[in-house]
Amino acid sequence: MLQLFVFDERLGIALPKLELEWEGYSESDRAAIVTQWEIIRGAIPDRVFLFEREINKKQAELFDEDDFEMSCLLNSDIAELASRINDLHIWYRINQEIETRRHS
């Protein structure tokens, strides 16, 4: 099943890359996909925590920064990290959709 997941550098986790519609996979393949996703999904809160720590560090730097250009760069970095957290939250919730399909 590992070929059905591709590592995303930006988020730091493997994401599903399913080649077929969900119903196109056998019951055993679907179970394996869900199992693998659950393992990956379990790492998402840790990734969010790491990004939050980076945001806090950059906010502290921003508080002490007097240079406008550097302040803009720090704000941009913070926005990118927040975007990653948002994307991770979306991927975390995808499990609910897979579970619903699995039990249908």
PDB file of N, CA and C in Angstrom:
ATOM      1  N   MET A   1       0.805  -1.201   0.000  1.00  0.00           N
ATOM      2  CA  MET A   1       0.000   0.000   0.000  1.00  0.00           C
ATOM      3  C   MET A   1       0.849   1.268   0.000  1.00  0.00           C
ATOM      4  N   LEU A   2       2.115   1.142   0.274  1.00  0.00           N
ATOM      5  CA  LEU A   2       2.939   2.336   0.360  1.00  0.00           C
ATOM      6  C   LEU A   2       2.947   3.135  -0.941  1.00  0.00           C
ATOM      7  N   GLN A   3       2.782   2.494  -2.092  1.00  0.00           N
ATOM      8  CA  GLN A   3       2.767   3.213  -3.357  1.00  0.00           C
ATOM      9  C   GLN A   3       1.528   4.102  -3.485  1.00  0.00           C
ATOM     10  N   LEU A   4       0.549   3.914  -2.637  1.00  0.00           N
ATOM     11  CA  LEU A   4      -0.664   4.732  -2.666  1.00  0.00           C
ATOM     12  C   LEU A   4      -0.546   5.981  -1.797  1.00  0.00           C
ATOM     13  N   PHE A   5       0.624   6.174  -1.210  1.00  0.00           N
ATOM     14  CA  PHE A   5       0.878   7.344  -0.376  1.00  0.00           C
ATOM     15  C   PHE A   5       2.186   7.986  -0.830  1.00  0.00           C
ATOM     16  N   VAL A   6       2.159   9.315  -0.958  1.00  0.00           N
ATOM     17  CA  VAL A   6       3.325  10.056  -1.419  1.00  0.00           C
ATOM     18  C   VAL A   6       3.699  11.082  -0.352  1.00  0.00           C
ATOM     19  N   PHE A   7       4.988  11.114   0.000  1.00  0.00           N
ATOM     20  CA  PHE A   7       5.442  12.043   1.028  1.00  0.00           C
ATOM     21  C   PHE A   7       5.343  13.483   0.537  1.00  0.00           C
ATOM     22  N   ASP A   8       4.733  14.337   1.362  1.00  0.00           N
ATOM     23  CA  ASP A   8       4.594  15.758   1.077  1.00  0.00           C
ATOM     24  C   ASP A   8       5.602  16.511   1.938  1.00  0.00           C
ATOM     25  N   GLU A   9       6.593  17.098   1.279  1.00  0.00           N
ATOM     26  CA  GLU A   9       7.660  17.818   1.998  1.00  0.00           C
ATOM     27  C   GLU A   9       7.110  18.982   2.821  1.00  0.00           C
ATOM     28  N   ARG A  10       6.157  19.700   2.260  1.00  0.00           N
ATOM     29  CA  ARG A  10       5.612  20.889   2.921  1.00  0.00           C
ATOM     30  C   ARG A  10       4.939  20.549   4.247  1.00  0.00           C
ATOM     31  N   LEU A  11       4.177  19.458   4.259  1.00  0.00           N
ATOM     32  CA  LEU A  11       3.440  19.076   5.464  1.00  0.00           C
ATOM     33  C   LEU A  11       4.208  18.092   6.340  1.00  0.00           C
ATOM     34  N   GLY A  12       5.159  17.393   5.761  1.00  0.00           N
ATOM     35  CA  GLY A  12       5.963  16.455   6.539  1.00  0.00           C
ATOM     36  C   GLY A  12       5.277  15.121   6.798  1.00  0.00           C
ATOM     37  N   ILE A  13       4.281  14.784   5.989  1.00  0.00           N
ATOM     38  CA  ILE A  13       3.597  13.493   6.108  1.00  0.00           C
ATOM     39  C   ILE A  13       3.349  12.936   4.704  1.00  0.00           C
ATOM     40  N   ALA A  14       3.070  11.655   4.633  1.00  0.00           N
ATOM     41  CA  ALA A  14       2.673  11.045   3.366  1.00  0.00           C
ATOM     42  C   ALA A  14       1.173  11.275   3.175  1.00  0.00           C
ATOM     43  N   LEU A  15       0.804  11.595   1.951  1.00  0.00           N
ATOM     44  CA  LEU A  15      -0.602  11.839   1.628  1.00  0.00           C
ATOM     45  C   LEU A  15      -1.090  10.779   0.654  1.00  0.00           C
ATOM     46  N   PRO A  16      -2.376  10.425   0.747  1.00  0.00           N
ATOM     47  CA  PRO A  16      -2.909   9.413  -0.169  1.00  0.00           C
ATOM     48  C   PRO A  16      -2.906   9.914  -1.607  1.00  0.00           C
ATOM     49  N   LYS A  17      -2.556   9.020  -2.493  1.00  0.00           N
ATOM     50  CA  LYS A  17      -2.623   9.297  -3.928  1.00  0.00           C
ATOM     51  C   LYS A  17      -3.281   8.078  -4.567  1.00  0.00           C
ATOM     52  N   LEU A  18      -4.589   8.014  -4.400  1.00  0.00           N
ATOM     53  CA  LEU A  18      -5.346   6.868  -4.875  1.00  0.00           C
ATOM     54  C   LEU A  18      -5.562   6.980  -6.380  1.00  0.00           C
ATOM     55  N   GLU A  19      -5.322   5.896  -7.066  1.00  0.00           N
ATOM     56  CA  GLU A  19      -5.443   5.883  -8.528  1.00  0.00           C
ATOM     57  C   GLU A  19      -6.841   5.504  -8.989  1.00  0.00           C
ATOM     58  N   LEU A  20      -7.619   4.905  -8.106  1.00  0.00           N
ATOM     59  CA  LEU A  20      -8.971   4.468  -8.442  1.00  0.00           C
ATOM     60  C   LEU A  20      -9.969   5.172  -7.538  1.00  0.00           C
ATOM     61  N   GLU A  21     -11.236   5.108  -7.919  1.00  0.00           N
ATOM     62  CA  GLU A  21     -12.295   5.522  -7.005  1.00  0.00           C
ATOM     63  C   GLU A  21     -12.286   4.542  -5.829  1.00  0.00           C
ATOM     64  N   TRP A  22     -12.764   4.980  -4.682  1.00  0.00           N
ATOM     65  CA  TRP A  22     -12.743   4.157  -3.472  1.00  0.00           C
ATOM     66  C   TRP A  22     -13.356   2.778  -3.711  1.00  0.00           C
ATOM     67  N   GLU A  23     -14.473   2.755  -4.431  1.00  0.00           N
ATOM     68  CA  GLU A  23     -15.171   1.495  -4.685  1.00  0.00           C
ATOM     69  C   GLU A  23     -14.385   0.579  -5.630  1.00  0.00           C
ATOM     70  N   GLY A  24     -13.391   1.115  -6.312  1.00  0.00           N
ATOM     71  CA  GLY A  24     -12.576   0.333  -7.234  1.00  0.00           C
ATOM     72  C   GLY A  24     -11.552  -0.549  -6.542  1.00  0.00           C
ATOM     73  N   TYR A  25     -11.382  -0.347  -5.257  1.00  0.00           N
ATOM     74  CA  TYR A  25     -10.435  -1.157  -4.480  1.00  0.00           C
ATOM     75  C   TYR A  25     -11.182  -2.303  -3.802  1.00  0.00           C
ATOM     76  N   SER A  26     -10.511  -3.405  -3.662  1.00  0.00           N
ATOM     77  CA  SER A  26     -11.115  -4.554  -2.975  1.00  0.00           C
ATOM     78  C   SER A  26     -11.270  -4.226  -1.497  1.00  0.00           C
ATOM     79  N   GLU A  27     -12.075  -5.027  -0.821  1.00  0.00           N
ATOM     80  CA  GLU A  27     -12.279  -4.838   0.628  1.00  0.00           C
ATOM     81  C   GLU A  27     -10.940  -4.895   1.369  1.00  0.00           C
ATOM     82  N   SER A  28     -10.095  -5.849   1.024  1.00  0.00           N
ATOM     83  CA  SER A  28      -8.813  -5.977   1.724  1.00  0.00           C
ATOM     84  C   SER A  28      -7.898  -4.790   1.421  1.00  0.00           C
ATOM     85  N   ASP A  29      -7.924  -4.302   0.173  1.00  0.00           N
ATOM     86  CA  ASP A  29      -7.124  -3.126  -0.161  1.00  0.00           C
ATOM     87  C   ASP A  29      -7.633  -1.898   0.585  1.00  0.00           C
ATOM     88  N   ARG A  30      -8.944  -1.750   0.662  1.00  0.00           N
ATOM     89  CA  ARG A  30      -9.510  -0.611   1.395  1.00  0.00           C
ATOM     90  C   ARG A  30      -9.114  -0.668   2.868  1.00  0.00           C
ATOM     91  N   ALA A  31      -9.172  -1.849   3.444  1.00  0.00           N
ATOM     92  CA  ALA A  31      -8.788  -1.998   4.854  1.00  0.00           C
ATOM     93  C   ALA A  31      -7.316  -1.640   5.041  1.00  0.00           C
ATOM     94  N   ALA A  32      -6.466  -2.063   4.105  1.00  0.00           N
ATOM     95  CA  ALA A  32      -5.035  -1.751   4.194  1.00  0.00           C
ATOM     96  C   ALA A  32      -4.797  -0.248   4.031  1.00  0.00           C
ATOM     97  N   ILE A  33      -5.536   0.377   3.123  1.00  0.00           N
ATOM     98  CA  ILE A  33      -5.403   1.820   2.919  1.00  0.00           C
ATOM     99  C   ILE A  33      -5.801   2.572   4.183  1.00  0.00           C
ATOM    100  N   VAL A  34      -6.928   2.185   4.772  1.00  0.00           N
ATOM    101  CA  VAL A  34      -7.405   2.851   5.994  1.00  0.00           C
ATOM    102  C   VAL A  34      -6.402   2.637   7.129  1.00  0.00           C
ATOM    103  N   THR A  35      -5.874   1.436   7.241  1.00  0.00           N
ATOM    104  CA  THR A  35      -4.890   1.149   8.296  1.00  0.00           C
ATOM    105  C   THR A  35      -3.654   2.021   8.129  1.00  0.00           C
ATOM    106  N   GLN A  36      -3.134   2.088   6.901  1.00  0.00           N
ATOM    107  CA  GLN A  36      -1.955   2.920   6.640  1.00  0.00           C
ATOM    108  C   GLN A  36      -2.257   4.388   6.915  1.00  0.00           C
ATOM    109  N   TRP A  37      -3.443   4.847   6.489  1.00  0.00           N
ATOM    110  CA  TRP A  37      -3.809   6.242   6.732  1.00  0.00           C
ATOM    111  C   TRP A  37      -3.918   6.531   8.223  1.00  0.00           C
ATOM    112  N   GLU A  38      -4.445   5.597   8.992  1.00  0.00           N
ATOM    113  CA  GLU A  38      -4.561   5.801  10.443  1.00  0.00           C
ATOM    114  C   GLU A  38      -3.187   5.990  11.080  1.00  0.00           C
ATOM    115  N   ILE A  39      -2.205   5.257  10.592  1.00  0.00           N
ATOM    116  CA  ILE A  39      -0.838   5.402  11.107  1.00  0.00           C
ATOM    117  C   ILE A  39      -0.311   6.795  10.777  1.00  0.00           C
ATOM    118  N   ILE A  40      -0.487   7.197   9.533  1.00  0.00           N
ATOM    119  CA  ILE A  40      -0.035   8.524   9.100  1.00  0.00           C
ATOM    120  C   ILE A  40      -0.804   9.611   9.837  1.00  0.00           C
ATOM    121  N   ARG A  41      -2.104   9.448   9.915  1.00  0.00           N
ATOM    122  CA  ARG A  41      -2.981  10.426  10.564  1.00  0.00           C
ATOM    123  C   ARG A  41      -2.587  10.636  12.022  1.00  0.00           C
ATOM    124  N   GLY A  42      -2.132   9.573  12.665  1.00  0.00           N
ATOM    125  CA  GLY A  42      -1.717   9.673  14.061  1.00  0.00           C
ATOM    126  C   GLY A  42      -0.538  10.612  14.277  1.00  0.00           C
ATOM    127  N   ALA A  43       0.231  10.865  13.222  1.00  0.00           N
ATOM    128  CA  ALA A  43       1.381  11.762  13.329  1.00  0.00           C
ATOM    129  C   ALA A  43       1.004  13.226  13.120  1.00  0.00           C
ATOM    130  N   ILE A  44      -0.192  13.480  12.644  1.00  0.00           N
ATOM    131  CA  ILE A  44      -0.593  14.857  12.324  1.00  0.00           C
ATOM    132  C   ILE A  44      -0.579  15.775  13.547  1.00  0.00           C
ATOM    133  N   PRO A  45      -1.105  15.386  14.693  1.00  0.00           N
ATOM    134  CA  PRO A  45      -1.041  16.310  15.846  1.00  0.00           C
ATOM    135  C   PRO A  45       0.388  16.700  16.222  1.00  0.00           C
ATOM    136  N   ASP A  46       1.333  15.779  16.086  1.00  0.00           N
ATOM    137  CA  ASP A  46       2.726  16.111  16.377  1.00  0.00           C
ATOM    138  C   ASP A  46       3.275  17.126  15.371  1.00  0.00           C
ATOM    139  N   ARG A  47       2.898  16.974  14.101  1.00  0.00           N
ATOM    140  CA  ARG A  47       3.331  17.927  13.076  1.00  0.00           C
ATOM    141  C   ARG A  47       2.737  19.309  13.373  1.00  0.00           C
ATOM    142  N   VAL A  48       1.472  19.359  13.746  1.00  0.00           N
ATOM    143  CA  VAL A  48       0.831  20.632  14.087  1.00  0.00           C
ATOM    144  C   VAL A  48       1.571  21.276  15.253  1.00  0.00           C
ATOM    145  N   PHE A  49       1.891  20.487  16.260  1.00  0.00           N
ATOM    146  CA  PHE A  49       2.598  21.008  17.434  1.00  0.00           C
ATOM    147  C   PHE A  49       3.944  21.618  17.032  1.00  0.00           C
ATOM    148  N   LEU A  50       4.684  20.938  16.149  1.00  0.00           N
ATOM    149  CA  LEU A  50       5.981  21.465  15.710  1.00  0.00           C
ATOM    150  C   LEU A  50       5.823  22.783  14.962  1.00  0.00           C
ATOM    151  N   PHE A  51       4.815  22.861  14.092  1.00  0.00           N
ATOM    152  CA  PHE A  51       4.582  24.102  13.366  1.00  0.00           C
ATOM    153  C   PHE A  51       4.154  25.218  14.317  1.00  0.00           C
ATOM    154  N   GLU A  52       3.356  24.892  15.322  1.00  0.00           N
ATOM    155  CA  GLU A  52       2.939  25.895  16.310  1.00  0.00           C
ATOM    156  C   GLU A  52       4.149  26.424  17.078  1.00  0.00           C
ATOM    157  N   ARG A  53       5.078  25.544  17.420  1.00  0.00           N
ATOM    158  CA  ARG A  53       6.305  25.985  18.106  1.00  0.00           C
ATOM    159  C   ARG A  53       7.105  26.935  17.228  1.00  0.00           C
ATOM    160  N   GLU A  54       7.189  26.626  15.931  1.00  0.00           N
ATOM    161  CA  GLU A  54       7.898  27.514  15.006  1.00  0.00           C
ATOM    162  C   GLU A  54       7.205  28.866  14.917  1.00  0.00           C
ATOM    163  N   ILE A  55       5.874  28.855  14.888  1.00  0.00           N
ATOM    164  CA  ILE A  55       5.124  30.114  14.844  1.00  0.00           C
ATOM    165  C   ILE A  55       5.416  30.934  16.095  1.00  0.00           C
ATOM    166  N   ASN A  56       5.375  30.299  17.253  1.00  0.00           N
ATOM    167  CA  ASN A  56       5.643  31.022  18.498  1.00  0.00           C
ATOM    168  C   ASN A  56       7.038  31.630  18.507  1.00  0.00           C
ATOM    169  N   LYS A  57       8.015  30.893  17.989  1.00  0.00           N
ATOM    170  CA  LYS A  57       9.386  31.391  17.926  1.00  0.00           C
ATOM    171  C   LYS A  57       9.456  32.608  17.000  1.00  0.00           C
ATOM    172  N   LYS A  58       8.823  32.514  15.842  1.00  0.00           N
ATOM    173  CA  LYS A  58       8.847  33.619  14.884  1.00  0.00           C
ATOM    174  C   LYS A  58       8.062  34.831  15.403  1.00  0.00           C
ATOM    175  N   GLN A  59       6.991  34.590  16.153  1.00  0.00           N
ATOM    176  CA  GLN A  59       6.248  35.708  16.740  1.00  0.00           C
ATOM    177  C   GLN A  59       7.103  36.428  17.780  1.00  0.00           C
ATOM    178  N   ALA A  60       7.890  35.673  18.537  1.00  0.00           N
ATOM    179  CA  ALA A  60       8.788  36.298  19.507  1.00  0.00           C
ATOM    180  C   ALA A  60       9.853  37.128  18.788  1.00  0.00           C
ATOM    181  N   GLU A  61      10.376  36.602  17.692  1.00  0.00           N
ATOM    182  CA  GLU A  61      11.344  37.356  16.896  1.00  0.00           C
ATOM    183  C   GLU A  61      10.693  38.622  16.334  1.00  0.00           C
ATOM    184  N   LEU A  62       9.465  38.491  15.874  1.00  0.00           N
ATOM    185  CA  LEU A  62       8.743  39.621  15.290  1.00  0.00           C
ATOM    186  C   LEU A  62       8.525  40.724  16.327  1.00  0.00           C
ATOM    187  N   PHE A  63       8.247  40.332  17.541  1.00  0.00           N
ATOM    188  CA  PHE A  63       8.009  41.293  18.617  1.00  0.00           C
ATOM    189  C   PHE A  63       9.223  42.196  18.820  1.00  0.00           C
ATOM    190  N   ASP A  64      10.418  41.616  18.666  1.00  0.00           N
ATOM    191  CA  ASP A  64      11.656  42.382  18.889  1.00  0.00           C
ATOM    192  C   ASP A  64      12.246  42.981  17.612  1.00  0.00           C
ATOM    193  N   GLU A  65      11.618  42.723  16.476  1.00  0.00           N
ATOM    194  CA  GLU A  65      12.181  43.159  15.194  1.00  0.00           C
ATOM    195  C   GLU A  65      11.803  44.600  14.881  1.00  0.00           C
ATOM    196  N   ASP A  66      12.826  45.397  14.533  1.00  0.00           N
ATOM    197  CA  ASP A  66      12.601  46.795  14.170  1.00  0.00           C
ATOM    198  C   ASP A  66      12.681  47.022  12.665  1.00  0.00           C
ATOM    199  N   ASP A  67      13.314  46.121  11.959  1.00  0.00           N
ATOM    200  CA  ASP A  67      13.480  46.258  10.513  1.00  0.00           C
ATOM    201  C   ASP A  67      12.186  45.857   9.799  1.00  0.00           C
ATOM    202  N   PHE A  68      11.648  46.772   8.995  1.00  0.00           N
ATOM    203  CA  PHE A  68      10.368  46.527   8.325  1.00  0.00           C
ATOM    204  C   PHE A  68      10.429  45.325   7.392  1.00  0.00           C
ATOM    205  N   GLU A  69      11.473  45.234   6.580  1.00  0.00           N
ATOM    206  CA  GLU A  69      11.585  44.125   5.631  1.00  0.00           C
ATOM    207  C   GLU A  69      11.661  42.781   6.356  1.00  0.00           C
ATOM    208  N   MET A  70      12.416  42.749   7.433  1.00  0.00           N
ATOM    209  CA  MET A  70      12.523  41.513   8.214  1.00  0.00           C
ATOM    210  C   MET A  70      11.184  41.179   8.874  1.00  0.00           C
ATOM    211  N   SER A  71      10.457  42.202   9.313  1.00  0.00           N
ATOM    212  CA  SER A  71       9.136  41.987   9.898  1.00  0.00           C
ATOM    213  C   SER A  71       8.189  41.375   8.864  1.00  0.00           C
ATOM    214  N   CYS A  72       8.273  41.871   7.635  1.00  0.00           N
ATOM    215  CA  CYS A  72       7.433  41.322   6.559  1.00  0.00           C
ATOM    216  C   CYS A  72       7.792  39.867   6.288  1.00  0.00           C
ATOM    217  N   LEU A  73       9.071  39.568   6.283  1.00  0.00           N
ATOM    218  CA  LEU A  73       9.518  38.192   6.053  1.00  0.00           C
ATOM    219  C   LEU A  73       9.036  37.267   7.169  1.00  0.00           C
ATOM    220  N   LEU A  74       9.146  37.708   8.400  1.00  0.00           N
ATOM    221  CA  LEU A  74       8.665  36.910   9.532  1.00  0.00           C
ATOM    222  C   LEU A  74       7.155  36.703   9.449  1.00  0.00           C
ATOM    223  N   ASN A  75       6.421  37.754   9.096  1.00  0.00           N
ATOM    224  CA  ASN A  75       4.963  37.620   8.937  1.00  0.00           C
ATOM    225  C   ASN A  75       4.623  36.625   7.842  1.00  0.00           C
ATOM    226  N   SER A  76       5.364  36.652   6.763  1.00  0.00           N
ATOM    227  CA  SER A  76       5.148  35.717   5.663  1.00  0.00           C
ATOM    228  C   SER A  76       5.417  34.278   6.114  1.00  0.00           C
ATOM    229  N   ASP A  77       6.493  34.098   6.861  1.00  0.00           N
ATOM    230  CA  ASP A  77       6.821  32.767   7.394  1.00  0.00           C
ATOM    231  C   ASP A  77       5.716  32.261   8.321  1.00  0.00           C
ATOM    232  N   ILE A  78       5.227  33.128   9.165  1.00  0.00           N
ATOM    233  CA  ILE A  78       4.155  32.767  10.105  1.00  0.00           C
ATOM    234  C   ILE A  78       2.899  32.375   9.332  1.00  0.00           C
ATOM    235  N   ALA A  79       2.567  33.137   8.298  1.00  0.00           N
ATOM    236  CA  ALA A  79       1.384  32.827   7.485  1.00  0.00           C
ATOM    237  C   ALA A  79       1.542  31.469   6.798  1.00  0.00           C
ATOM    238  N   GLU A  80       2.723  31.170   6.300  1.00  0.00           N
ATOM    239  CA  GLU A  80       2.958  29.876   5.645  1.00  0.00           C
ATOM    240  C   GLU A  80       2.813  28.727   6.646  1.00  0.00           C
ATOM    241  N   LEU A  81       3.364  28.895   7.827  1.00  0.00           N
ATOM    242  CA  LEU A  81       3.236  27.851   8.847  1.00  0.00           C
ATOM    243  C   LEU A  81       1.776  27.664   9.253  1.00  0.00           C
ATOM    244  N   ALA A  82       1.041  28.757   9.379  1.00  0.00           N
ATOM    245  CA  ALA A  82      -0.383  28.664   9.717  1.00  0.00           C
ATOM    246  C   ALA A  82      -1.147  27.950   8.601  1.00  0.00           C
ATOM    247  N   SER A  83      -0.765  28.200   7.364  1.00  0.00           N
ATOM    248  CA  SER A  83      -1.392  27.523   6.232  1.00  0.00           C
ATOM    249  C   SER A  83      -1.137  26.017   6.285  1.00  0.00           C
ATOM    250  N   ARG A  84       0.068  25.637   6.666  1.00  0.00           N
ATOM    251  CA  ARG A  84       0.392  24.214   6.810  1.00  0.00           C
ATOM    252  C   ARG A  84      -0.468  23.568   7.896  1.00  0.00           C
ATOM    253  N   ILE A  85      -0.626  24.276   9.004  1.00  0.00           N
ATOM    254  CA  ILE A  85      -1.460  23.758  10.088  1.00  0.00           C
ATOM    255  C   ILE A  85      -2.896  23.576   9.604  1.00  0.00           C
ATOM    256  N   ASN A  86      -3.403  24.551   8.889  1.00  0.00           N
ATOM    257  CA  ASN A  86      -4.755  24.447   8.351  1.00  0.00           C
ATOM    258  C   ASN A  86      -4.884  23.229   7.432  1.00  0.00           C
ATOM    259  N   ASP A  87      -3.920  23.047   6.544  1.00  0.00           N
ATOM    260  CA  ASP A  87      -3.945  21.892   5.635  1.00  0.00           C
ATOM    261  C   ASP A  87      -3.890  20.579   6.405  1.00  0.00           C
ATOM    262  N   LEU A  88      -3.077  20.538   7.445  1.00  0.00           N
ATOM    263  CA  LEU A  88      -3.003  19.319   8.257  1.00  0.00           C
ATOM    264  C   LEU A  88      -4.337  19.030   8.939  1.00  0.00           C
ATOM    265  N   HIS A  89      -5.009  20.075   9.416  1.00  0.00           N
ATOM    266  CA  HIS A  89      -6.329  19.874  10.035  1.00  0.00           C
ATOM    267  C   HIS A  89      -7.317  19.307   9.022  1.00  0.00           C
ATOM    268  N   ILE A  90      -7.253  19.796   7.802  1.00  0.00           N
ATOM    269  CA  ILE A  90      -8.132  19.271   6.754  1.00  0.00           C
ATOM    270  C   ILE A  90      -7.833  17.801   6.512  1.00  0.00           C
ATOM    271  N   TRP A  91      -6.563  17.449   6.366  1.00  0.00           N
ATOM    272  CA  TRP A  91      -6.204  16.045   6.146  1.00  0.00           C
ATOM    273  C   TRP A  91      -6.593  15.177   7.344  1.00  0.00           C
ATOM    274  N   TYR A  92      -6.491  15.721   8.538  1.00  0.00           N
ATOM    275  CA  TYR A  92      -6.857  14.956   9.733  1.00  0.00           C
ATOM    276  C   TYR A  92      -8.334  14.582   9.701  1.00  0.00           C
ATOM    277  N   ARG A  93      -9.174  15.493   9.232  1.00  0.00           N
ATOM    278  CA  ARG A  93     -10.617  15.237   9.175  1.00  0.00           C
ATOM    279  C   ARG A  93     -11.016  14.301   8.042  1.00  0.00           C
ATOM    280  N   ILE A  94     -10.153  14.116   7.084  1.00  0.00           N
ATOM    281  CA  ILE A  94     -10.483  13.227   5.956  1.00  0.00           C
ATOM    282  C   ILE A  94     -10.772  11.819   6.440  1.00  0.00           C
ATOM    283  N   ASN A  95     -10.209  11.419   7.533  1.00  0.00           N
ATOM    284  CA  ASN A  95     -10.454  10.081   8.059  1.00  0.00           C
ATOM    285  C   ASN A  95     -11.936   9.823   8.261  1.00  0.00           C
ATOM    286  N   GLN A  96     -12.674  10.828   8.666  1.00  0.00           N
ATOM    287  CA  GLN A  96     -14.110  10.649   8.882  1.00  0.00           C
ATOM    288  C   GLN A  96     -14.800  10.248   7.585  1.00  0.00           C
ATOM    289  N   GLU A  97     -14.384  10.810   6.451  1.00  0.00           N
ATOM    290  CA  GLU A  97     -14.963  10.471   5.164  1.00  0.00           C
ATOM    291  C   GLU A  97     -14.613   9.030   4.782  1.00  0.00           C
ATOM    292  N   ILE A  98     -13.362   8.658   5.013  1.00  0.00           N
ATOM    293  CA  ILE A  98     -12.933   7.289   4.682  1.00  0.00           C
ATOM    294  C   ILE A  98     -13.687   6.285   5.542  1.00  0.00           C
ATOM    295  N   GLU A  99     -13.823   6.565   6.817  1.00  0.00           N
ATOM    296  CA  GLU A  99     -14.526   5.642   7.705  1.00  0.00           C
ATOM    297  C   GLU A  99     -15.986   5.492   7.289  1.00  0.00           C
ATOM    298  N   THR A 100     -16.623   6.595   6.899  1.00  0.00           N
ATOM    299  CA  THR A 100     -18.009   6.532   6.460  1.00  0.00           C
ATOM    300  C   THR A 100     -18.126   5.647   5.220  1.00  0.00           C
ATOM    301  N   ARG A 101     -17.232   5.835   4.285  1.00  0.00           N
ATOM    302  CA  ARG A 101     -17.245   5.022   3.062  1.00  0.00           C
ATOM    303  C   ARG A 101     -16.959   3.557   3.383  1.00  0.00           C
ATOM    304  N   ARG A 102     -16.057   3.333   4.306  1.00  0.00           N
ATOM    305  CA  ARG A 102     -15.667   1.972   4.648  1.00  0.00           C
ATOM    306  C   ARG A 102     -16.842   1.191   5.208  1.00  0.00           C
ATOM    307  N   HIS A 103     -17.703   1.835   5.958  1.00  0.00           N
ATOM    308  CA  HIS A 103     -18.821   1.152   6.603  1.00  0.00           C
ATOM    309  C   HIS A 103     -20.083   1.137   5.736  1.00  0.00           C
ATOM    310  N   SER A 104     -20.011   1.747   4.566  1.00  0.00           N
ATOM    311  CA  SER A 104     -21.174   1.772   3.678  1.00  0.00           C
ATOM    312  C   SER A 104     -21.284   0.491   2.874  1.00  0.00           C
TER     313      SER A 104
END
